[in-house]
Amino acid sequence: MKARRALLAVSTYDQNPQTQILDLRQMAAQRGYTIVKEYTDKISGLKAKRPGLDAIMADARPASSTW
């Protein structure tokens, strides 16, 4: 299987990213992918700092990549 990372994002604190994860895991499996790490953001996409997005981008850099 091919390893992939997943970013789950919701824009308000009353939303739950876990509602996305089951569908995302199922879709990944159907396409032959294994999700090796999940990142989560509970913040508006308009914000400059988004911890989950920043983390997945940092991990995607060649020096630390395990894709």
PDB file of N, CA and C in Angstrom:
ATOM      1  N   MET A   1       0.834  -1.196   0.000  1.00  0.00           N
ATOM      2  CA  MET A   1       0.000   0.000   0.000  1.00  0.00           C
ATOM      3  C   MET A   1       0.872   1.250   0.000  1.00  0.00           C
ATOM      4  N   LYS A   2       0.312   2.307  -0.519  1.00  0.00           N
ATOM      5  CA  LYS A   2       1.010   3.585  -0.568  1.00  0.00           C
ATOM      6  C   LYS A   2       0.693   4.385   0.693  1.00  0.00           C
ATOM      7  N   ALA A   3       1.720   4.941   1.309  1.00  0.00           N
ATOM      8  CA  ALA A   3       1.548   5.717   2.536  1.00  0.00           C
ATOM      9  C   ALA A   3       1.149   7.141   2.207  1.00  0.00           C
ATOM     10  N   ARG A   4       0.189   7.660   2.945  1.00  0.00           N
ATOM     11  CA  ARG A   4      -0.273   9.028   2.773  1.00  0.00           C
ATOM     12  C   ARG A   4      -0.561   9.642   4.137  1.00  0.00           C
ATOM     13  N   ARG A   5      -0.550  10.961   4.170  1.00  0.00           N
ATOM     14  CA  ARG A   5      -0.917  11.713   5.365  1.00  0.00           C
ATOM     15  C   ARG A   5      -2.248  12.385   5.091  1.00  0.00           C
ATOM     16  N   ALA A   6      -3.001  12.689   6.135  1.00  0.00           N
ATOM     17  CA  ALA A   6      -4.320  13.289   5.962  1.00  0.00           C
ATOM     18  C   ALA A   6      -4.460  14.512   6.855  1.00  0.00           C
ATOM     19  N   LEU A   7      -5.036  15.576   6.299  1.00  0.00           N
ATOM     20  CA  LEU A   7      -5.330  16.787   7.054  1.00  0.00           C
ATOM     21  C   LEU A   7      -6.837  16.901   7.174  1.00  0.00           C
ATOM     22  N   LEU A   8      -7.318  16.917   8.400  1.00  0.00           N
ATOM     23  CA  LEU A   8      -8.740  17.083   8.685  1.00  0.00           C
ATOM     24  C   LEU A   8      -8.935  18.505   9.177  1.00  0.00           C
ATOM     25  N   ALA A   9      -9.869  19.212   8.585  1.00  0.00           N
ATOM     26  CA  ALA A   9     -10.031  20.619   8.942  1.00  0.00           C
ATOM     27  C   ALA A   9     -11.498  20.984   9.092  1.00  0.00           C
ATOM     28  N   VAL A  10     -11.779  21.702  10.158  1.00  0.00           N
ATOM     29  CA  VAL A  10     -13.092  22.306  10.364  1.00  0.00           C
ATOM     30  C   VAL A  10     -12.858  23.766  10.713  1.00  0.00           C
ATOM     31  N   SER A  11     -13.852  24.594  10.436  1.00  0.00           N
ATOM     32  CA  SER A  11     -13.622  26.025  10.589  1.00  0.00           C
ATOM     33  C   SER A  11     -14.156  26.618  11.885  1.00  0.00           C
ATOM     34  N   THR A  12     -14.923  25.857  12.637  1.00  0.00           N
ATOM     35  CA  THR A  12     -15.425  26.373  13.917  1.00  0.00           C
ATOM     36  C   THR A  12     -15.189  25.346  15.006  1.00  0.00           C
ATOM     37  N   TYR A  13     -15.123  25.824  16.243  1.00  0.00           N
ATOM     38  CA  TYR A  13     -14.841  24.929  17.362  1.00  0.00           C
ATOM     39  C   TYR A  13     -15.992  23.989  17.687  1.00  0.00           C
ATOM     40  N   ASP A  14     -17.200  24.303  17.251  1.00  0.00           N
ATOM     41  CA  ASP A  14     -18.308  23.393  17.528  1.00  0.00           C
ATOM     42  C   ASP A  14     -18.419  22.272  16.496  1.00  0.00           C
ATOM     43  N   GLN A  15     -17.618  22.317  15.436  1.00  0.00           N
ATOM     44  CA  GLN A  15     -17.575  21.224  14.466  1.00  0.00           C
ATOM     45  C   GLN A  15     -16.538  20.204  14.922  1.00  0.00           C
ATOM     46  N   ASN A  16     -16.700  18.971  14.473  1.00  0.00           N
ATOM     47  CA  ASN A  16     -15.813  17.892  14.896  1.00  0.00           C
ATOM     48  C   ASN A  16     -15.152  17.255  13.673  1.00  0.00           C
ATOM     49  N   PRO A  17     -13.823  17.308  13.590  1.00  0.00           N
ATOM     50  CA  PRO A  17     -13.147  16.702  12.431  1.00  0.00           C
ATOM     51  C   PRO A  17     -13.300  15.185  12.376  1.00  0.00           C
ATOM     52  N   GLN A  18     -13.679  14.565  13.469  1.00  0.00           N
ATOM     53  CA  GLN A  18     -13.850  13.111  13.468  1.00  0.00           C
ATOM     54  C   GLN A  18     -14.969  12.667  12.540  1.00  0.00           C
ATOM     55  N   THR A  19     -15.883  13.579  12.215  1.00  0.00           N
ATOM     56  CA  THR A  19     -16.940  13.211  11.272  1.00  0.00           C
ATOM     57  C   THR A  19     -16.384  12.975   9.876  1.00  0.00           C
ATOM     58  N   GLN A  20     -15.215  13.515   9.588  1.00  0.00           N
ATOM     59  CA  GLN A  20     -14.585  13.343   8.280  1.00  0.00           C
ATOM     60  C   GLN A  20     -13.708  12.099   8.209  1.00  0.00           C
ATOM     61  N   ILE A  21     -13.152  11.673   9.322  1.00  0.00           N
ATOM     62  CA  ILE A  21     -12.081  10.675   9.282  1.00  0.00           C
ATOM     63  C   ILE A  21     -12.537   9.301   8.779  1.00  0.00           C
ATOM     64  N   LEU A  22     -13.722   8.865   9.146  1.00  0.00           N
ATOM     65  CA  LEU A  22     -14.162   7.545   8.689  1.00  0.00           C
ATOM     66  C   LEU A  22     -14.298   7.506   7.172  1.00  0.00           C
ATOM     67  N   ASP A  23     -14.911   8.547   6.593  1.00  0.00           N
ATOM     68  CA  ASP A  23     -15.029   8.615   5.136  1.00  0.00           C
ATOM     69  C   ASP A  23     -13.656   8.708   4.476  1.00  0.00           C
ATOM     70  N   LEU A  24     -12.776   9.486   5.061  1.00  0.00           N
ATOM     71  CA  LEU A  24     -11.443   9.647   4.494  1.00  0.00           C
ATOM     72  C   LEU A  24     -10.654   8.337   4.543  1.00  0.00           C
ATOM     73  N   ARG A  25     -10.737   7.624   5.654  1.00  0.00           N
ATOM     74  CA  ARG A  25     -10.043   6.331   5.766  1.00  0.00           C
ATOM     75  C   ARG A  25     -10.597   5.325   4.762  1.00  0.00           C
ATOM     76  N   GLN A  26     -11.913   5.306   4.595  1.00  0.00           N
ATOM     77  CA  GLN A  26     -12.535   4.383   3.648  1.00  0.00           C
ATOM     78  C   GLN A  26     -12.110   4.714   2.214  1.00  0.00           C
ATOM     79  N   MET A  27     -12.136   5.990   1.864  1.00  0.00           N
ATOM     80  CA  MET A  27     -11.729   6.404   0.533  1.00  0.00           C
ATOM     81  C   MET A  27     -10.262   6.051   0.268  1.00  0.00           C
ATOM     82  N   ALA A  28      -9.405   6.278   1.259  1.00  0.00           N
ATOM     83  CA  ALA A  28      -7.990   5.953   1.108  1.00  0.00           C
ATOM     84  C   ALA A  28      -7.804   4.451   0.865  1.00  0.00           C
ATOM     85  N   ALA A  29      -8.488   3.635   1.646  1.00  0.00           N
ATOM     86  CA  ALA A  29      -8.375   2.185   1.503  1.00  0.00           C
ATOM     87  C   ALA A  29      -8.845   1.726   0.121  1.00  0.00           C
ATOM     88  N   GLN A  30      -9.921   2.316  -0.371  1.00  0.00           N
ATOM     89  CA  GLN A  30     -10.433   1.949  -1.691  1.00  0.00           C
ATOM     90  C   GLN A  30      -9.434   2.264  -2.798  1.00  0.00           C
ATOM     91  N   ARG A  31      -8.585   3.248  -2.554  1.00  0.00           N
ATOM     92  CA  ARG A  31      -7.602   3.647  -3.559  1.00  0.00           C
ATOM     93  C   ARG A  31      -6.224   3.024  -3.314  1.00  0.00           C
ATOM     94  N   GLY A  32      -6.142   2.156  -2.316  1.00  0.00           N
ATOM     95  CA  GLY A  32      -4.890   1.462  -2.050  1.00  0.00           C
ATOM     96  C   GLY A  32      -3.907   2.253  -1.210  1.00  0.00           C
ATOM     97  N   TYR A  33      -4.396   3.249  -0.455  1.00  0.00           N
ATOM     98  CA  TYR A  33      -3.531   4.063   0.396  1.00  0.00           C
ATOM     99  C   TYR A  33      -3.681   3.670   1.858  1.00  0.00           C
ATOM    100  N   THR A  34      -2.617   3.862   2.612  1.00  0.00           N
ATOM    101  CA  THR A  34      -2.650   3.732   4.061  1.00  0.00           C
ATOM    102  C   THR A  34      -2.336   5.098   4.645  1.00  0.00           C
ATOM    103  N   ILE A  35      -3.201   5.598   5.511  1.00  0.00           N
ATOM    104  CA  ILE A  35      -2.953   6.878   6.165  1.00  0.00           C
ATOM    105  C   ILE A  35      -1.998   6.625   7.325  1.00  0.00           C
ATOM    106  N   VAL A  36      -0.803   7.199   7.225  1.00  0.00           N
ATOM    107  CA  VAL A  36       0.217   6.955   8.241  1.00  0.00           C
ATOM    108  C   VAL A  36       0.240   8.026   9.317  1.00  0.00           C
ATOM    109  N   LYS A  37      -0.369   9.172   9.037  1.00  0.00           N
ATOM    110  CA  LYS A  37      -0.436  10.220  10.054  1.00  0.00           C
ATOM    111  C   LYS A  37      -1.603  11.129   9.725  1.00  0.00           C
ATOM    112  N   GLU A  38      -2.318  11.536  10.774  1.00  0.00           N
ATOM    113  CA  GLU A  38      -3.455  12.439  10.615  1.00  0.00           C
ATOM    114  C   GLU A  38      -3.154  13.750  11.325  1.00  0.00           C
ATOM    115  N   TYR A  39      -3.504  14.831  10.682  1.00  0.00           N
ATOM    116  CA  TYR A  39      -3.324  16.177  11.230  1.00  0.00           C
ATOM    117  C   TYR A  39      -4.702  16.809  11.336  1.00  0.00           C
ATOM    118  N   THR A  40      -4.901  17.641  12.332  1.00  0.00           N
ATOM    119  CA  THR A  40      -6.204  18.244  12.539  1.00  0.00           C
ATOM    120  C   THR A  40      -6.081  19.744  12.770  1.00  0.00           C
ATOM    121  N   ASP A  41      -6.966  20.483  12.130  1.00  0.00           N
ATOM    122  CA  ASP A  41      -7.096  21.915  12.376  1.00  0.00           C
ATOM    123  C   ASP A  41      -8.528  22.213  12.769  1.00  0.00           C
ATOM    124  N   LYS A  42      -8.682  22.946  13.852  1.00  0.00           N
ATOM    125  CA  LYS A  42      -9.994  23.463  14.256  1.00  0.00           C
ATOM    126  C   LYS A  42      -9.864  24.972  14.283  1.00  0.00           C
ATOM    127  N   ILE A  43      -9.791  25.548  13.092  1.00  0.00           N
ATOM    128  CA  ILE A  43      -9.550  26.985  12.977  1.00  0.00           C
ATOM    129  C   ILE A  43      -9.990  27.431  11.584  1.00  0.00           C
ATOM    130  N   SER A  44     -10.354  28.659  11.465  1.00  0.00           N
ATOM    131  CA  SER A  44     -10.774  29.191  10.177  1.00  0.00           C
ATOM    132  C   SER A  44      -9.629  29.142   9.172  1.00  0.00           C
ATOM    133  N   GLY A  45      -9.969  28.827   7.926  1.00  0.00           N
ATOM    134  CA  GLY A  45      -8.980  28.814   6.860  1.00  0.00           C
ATOM    135  C   GLY A  45      -8.444  30.201   6.539  1.00  0.00           C
ATOM    136  N   LEU A  46      -9.094  31.220   7.062  1.00  0.00           N
ATOM    137  CA  LEU A  46      -8.633  32.591   6.839  1.00  0.00           C
ATOM    138  C   LEU A  46      -7.467  32.963   7.743  1.00  0.00           C
ATOM    139  N   LYS A  47      -7.239  32.175   8.781  1.00  0.00           N
ATOM    140  CA  LYS A  47      -6.146  32.459   9.711  1.00  0.00           C
ATOM    141  C   LYS A  47      -4.808  32.145   9.055  1.00  0.00           C
ATOM    142  N   ALA A  48      -3.818  32.969   9.349  1.00  0.00           N
ATOM    143  CA  ALA A  48      -2.480  32.767   8.788  1.00  0.00           C
ATOM    144  C   ALA A  48      -1.792  31.551   9.400  1.00  0.00           C
ATOM    145  N   LYS A  49      -1.988  31.340  10.679  1.00  0.00           N
ATOM    146  CA  LYS A  49      -1.373  30.202  11.372  1.00  0.00           C
ATOM    147  C   LYS A  49      -2.411  29.097  11.541  1.00  0.00           C
ATOM    148  N   ARG A  50      -2.124  27.951  10.934  1.00  0.00           N
ATOM    149  CA  ARG A  50      -2.991  26.782  11.061  1.00  0.00           C
ATOM    150  C   ARG A  50      -2.096  25.613  11.444  1.00  0.00           C
ATOM    151  N   PRO A  51      -2.091  25.228  12.712  1.00  0.00           N
ATOM    152  CA  PRO A  51      -1.140  24.226  13.215  1.00  0.00           C
ATOM    153  C   PRO A  51      -1.110  22.921  12.417  1.00  0.00           C
ATOM    154  N   GLY A  52      -2.259  22.372  12.071  1.00  0.00           N
ATOM    155  CA  GLY A  52      -2.277  21.118  11.317  1.00  0.00           C
ATOM    156  C   GLY A  52      -1.680  21.273   9.929  1.00  0.00           C
ATOM    157  N   LEU A  53      -2.067  22.331   9.232  1.00  0.00           N
ATOM    158  CA  LEU A  53      -1.517  22.590   7.901  1.00  0.00           C
ATOM    159  C   LEU A  53      -0.022  22.870   7.981  1.00  0.00           C
ATOM    160  N   ASP A  54       0.389  23.669   8.963  1.00  0.00           N
ATOM    161  CA  ASP A  54       1.817  23.958   9.121  1.00  0.00           C
ATOM    162  C   ASP A  54       2.610  22.677   9.376  1.00  0.00           C
ATOM    163  N   ALA A  55       2.055  21.776  10.195  1.00  0.00           N
ATOM    164  CA  ALA A  55       2.749  20.524  10.522  1.00  0.00           C
ATOM    165  C   ALA A  55       2.861  19.600   9.309  1.00  0.00           C
ATOM    166  N   ILE A  56       1.778  19.462   8.541  1.00  0.00           N
ATOM    167  CA  ILE A  56       1.842  18.573   7.379  1.00  0.00           C
ATOM    168  C   ILE A  56       2.795  19.135   6.321  1.00  0.00           C
ATOM    169  N   MET A  57       2.831  20.447   6.182  1.00  0.00           N
ATOM    170  CA  MET A  57       3.761  21.066   5.230  1.00  0.00           C
ATOM    171  C   MET A  57       5.213  20.880   5.685  1.00  0.00           C
ATOM    172  N   ALA A  58       5.455  21.010   6.984  1.00  0.00           N
ATOM    173  CA  ALA A  58       6.807  20.802   7.501  1.00  0.00           C
ATOM    174  C   ALA A  58       7.246  19.357   7.308  1.00  0.00           C
ATOM    175  N   ASP A  59       6.334  18.423   7.555  1.00  0.00           N
ATOM    176  CA  ASP A  59       6.666  17.006   7.387  1.00  0.00           C
ATOM    177  C   ASP A  59       6.861  16.634   5.925  1.00  0.00           C
ATOM    178  N   ALA A  60       6.287  17.398   5.018  1.00  0.00           N
ATOM    179  CA  ALA A  60       6.400  17.109   3.591  1.00  0.00           C
ATOM    180  C   ALA A  60       7.724  17.554   2.997  1.00  0.00           C
ATOM    181  N   ARG A  61       8.463  18.348   3.735  1.00  0.00           N
ATOM    182  CA  ARG A  61       9.769  18.786   3.223  1.00  0.00           C
ATOM    183  C   ARG A  61      10.683  17.580   3.084  1.00  0.00           C
ATOM    184  N   PRO A  62      11.529  17.552   2.076  1.00  0.00           N
ATOM    185  CA  PRO A  62      12.360  16.379   1.795  1.00  0.00           C
ATOM    186  C   PRO A  62      13.164  15.842   2.967  1.00  0.00           C
ATOM    187  N   ALA A  63      13.678  16.699   3.834  1.00  0.00           N
ATOM    188  CA  ALA A  63      14.514  16.223   4.933  1.00  0.00           C
ATOM    189  C   ALA A  63      13.745  15.345   5.913  1.00  0.00           C
ATOM    190  N   SER A  64      12.433  15.534   6.034  1.00  0.00           N
ATOM    191  CA  SER A  64      11.666  14.752   6.995  1.00  0.00           C
ATOM    192  C   SER A  64      10.583  13.917   6.337  1.00  0.00           C
ATOM    193  N   SER A  65      10.578  13.847   5.043  1.00  0.00           N
ATOM    194  CA  SER A  65       9.484  13.174   4.336  1.00  0.00           C
ATOM    195  C   SER A  65       9.580  11.660   4.430  1.00  0.00           C
ATOM    196  N   THR A  66       8.412  11.032   4.669  1.00  0.00           N
ATOM    197  CA  THR A  66       8.309   9.581   4.627  1.00  0.00           C
ATOM    198  C   THR A  66       7.196   9.172   3.666  1.00  0.00           C
ATOM    199  N   TRP A  67       6.909  10.028   2.702  1.00  0.00           N
ATOM    200  CA  TRP A  67       5.841   9.735   1.749  1.00  0.00           C
ATOM    201  C   TRP A  67       6.320   8.619   0.936  1.00  0.00           C
TER     202      TRP A  67
END
